[in-house]
Protein backbone atom coordinates (compact mmCIF):
# COMPACT_ATOMS: atom_id res chain seq x y z
CA MET A 1 289.88 202.29 134.74
CA LYS A 2 289.80 200.34 131.63
CA LYS A 3 287.96 197.44 133.37
CA SER A 4 285.23 200.01 134.38
CA ARG A 5 284.87 201.40 130.92
CA THR A 6 284.69 197.92 129.21
CA LEU A 7 281.98 197.04 131.84
CA SER A 8 280.10 200.18 131.11
CA LEU A 9 280.11 199.61 127.36
CA PHE A 10 279.13 195.77 128.09
CA VAL A 11 276.20 197.20 129.99
CA ALA A 12 275.26 199.75 127.66
CA LEU A 13 275.25 197.09 124.71
CA LEU A 14 273.45 194.78 126.82
CA PHE A 15 270.55 197.72 127.41
CA CYS A 16 270.55 198.34 123.83
CA PHE A 17 269.78 194.76 122.84
CA ALA A 18 267.26 194.28 125.23
CA VAL A 19 265.29 197.48 124.04
CA ILE A 20 265.59 196.30 120.37
CA GLY A 21 264.15 192.73 121.47
CA LEU A 22 261.33 194.16 123.36
CA GLN A 23 260.36 196.50 120.45
CA ALA A 24 260.52 193.19 117.97
CA ALA A 25 258.59 191.14 120.40
CA ASP A 26 255.79 193.89 120.53
CA ASP A 27 255.51 194.36 116.80
CA LYS A 28 252.72 191.81 116.12
CA GLY A 29 251.70 193.35 112.95
CA PRO A 30 248.62 195.67 112.18
CA ALA A 31 245.59 195.61 114.68
CA GLU A 32 243.47 195.19 111.64
CA ILE A 33 243.48 194.19 108.02
CA VAL A 34 240.81 195.13 105.62
CA PHE A 35 240.09 193.19 102.50
CA GLU A 36 237.67 194.41 99.83
CA THR A 37 235.28 192.27 98.49
CA LYS A 38 231.88 192.14 96.33
CA ASN A 39 229.98 191.07 99.05
CA GLY A 40 231.20 193.68 101.70
CA ASN A 41 234.54 194.50 102.78
CA VAL A 42 236.04 192.01 105.54
CA THR A 43 237.95 193.54 108.32
CA PHE A 44 240.41 191.00 109.95
CA PRO A 45 240.93 191.37 113.44
CA HIS A 46 244.86 190.67 113.27
CA ALA A 47 245.43 191.65 116.87
CA LYS A 48 242.58 189.33 118.05
CA HIS A 49 244.08 186.50 116.27
CA VAL A 50 247.61 187.06 117.61
CA GLU A 51 246.17 187.14 121.08
CA SER A 52 244.16 183.71 120.48
CA MET A 53 247.22 182.07 119.45
CA LYS A 54 249.12 183.56 122.42
CA GLY A 55 251.48 185.54 120.03
CA ASP A 56 252.63 182.48 118.14
CA CYS A 57 252.93 184.14 114.74
CA THR A 58 254.28 180.84 113.16
CA ALA A 59 250.73 179.22 113.82
CA CYS A 60 249.63 181.19 110.63
CA HIS A 61 253.01 182.58 109.08
CA ASP A 62 254.32 181.44 106.78
CA ALA A 63 252.59 177.99 106.82
CA ILE A 64 249.04 179.19 106.01
CA PHE A 65 249.56 182.84 104.97
CA PRO A 66 252.89 184.63 103.65
CA GLU A 67 253.67 187.71 105.81
CA ASP A 68 253.47 189.89 102.70
CA LYS A 69 250.66 192.61 102.12
CA THR A 70 250.68 191.95 98.53
CA ALA A 71 250.32 188.03 98.70
CA GLU A 72 247.02 186.51 97.71
CA LEU A 73 244.69 185.43 100.51
CA ASN A 74 243.02 182.62 98.50
CA TYR A 75 239.78 182.87 99.90
CA LYS A 76 237.73 184.58 97.11
CA LYS A 77 234.51 184.29 95.84
CA ALA A 78 233.56 180.30 95.76
CA MET A 79 236.68 179.49 97.72
CA HIS A 80 234.82 179.33 101.18
CA LYS A 81 233.92 175.65 100.67
CA THR A 82 237.15 174.79 98.99
CA ALA A 83 239.13 176.55 101.66
CA GLU A 84 237.41 174.64 104.38
CA LYS A 85 237.39 171.24 102.67
CA GLU A 86 241.10 171.55 102.04
CA MET A 87 241.84 173.53 105.51
CA THR A 88 243.70 176.14 103.70
CA SER A 89 243.56 179.86 103.98
CA CYS A 90 240.94 181.00 106.45
CA GLY A 91 239.41 177.77 106.29
CA THR A 92 242.23 176.22 108.33
CA CYS A 93 240.43 177.11 111.49
CA HIS A 94 237.03 178.39 110.18
CA HIS A 95 235.33 175.03 108.98
CA PRO A 96 232.61 172.68 110.51
CA ASP A 97 234.17 171.57 113.89
CA GLY A 98 237.06 173.52 113.62
CA LYS A 99 238.76 176.06 115.93
CA SER A 100 236.44 178.84 115.03
CA PHE A 101 233.11 179.28 113.36
CA GLU A 102 232.66 177.91 109.69
CA SER A 103 231.58 180.40 106.94
CA LYS A 104 228.61 178.76 105.81
CA GLY A 105 225.55 180.84 107.40
CA ASN A 106 227.86 183.49 109.02
CA CYS A 107 228.53 185.89 106.13
CA ALA A 108 227.90 188.80 108.53
CA LYS A 109 230.46 187.77 110.80
CA CYS A 110 233.08 188.89 108.26
CA HIS A 111 231.48 190.94 105.52
CA GLU A 112 230.09 194.39 106.17
CA LYS A 113 226.91 195.12 104.62
CA LYS A 114 227.25 197.60 101.80
CA LYS A 115 225.29 200.89 102.37
């Protein structure tokens, strides 16, 4: 009887840890993040970036971007060229010959036109 109870408790604990682990694995942050800018808001497709990195959050966090909603993005006005040159912030991937499009000439890919 005691072995059966111990085994049941062990199985229940394993189940709980598995559920908690799955929930943590599924939490990949917000689908989108909106940055307000003078040149039109930028909607950052976070889910798309997570997918392109095959769920590897460490590719960006905390190496490039802190996992903190209040942290500076460091990609503001006049920072595009600097970020691309130094491969920091969005410029880590978004630069000439980078993993994705460079910012030069592609403003509308990120900035929404103001109405």
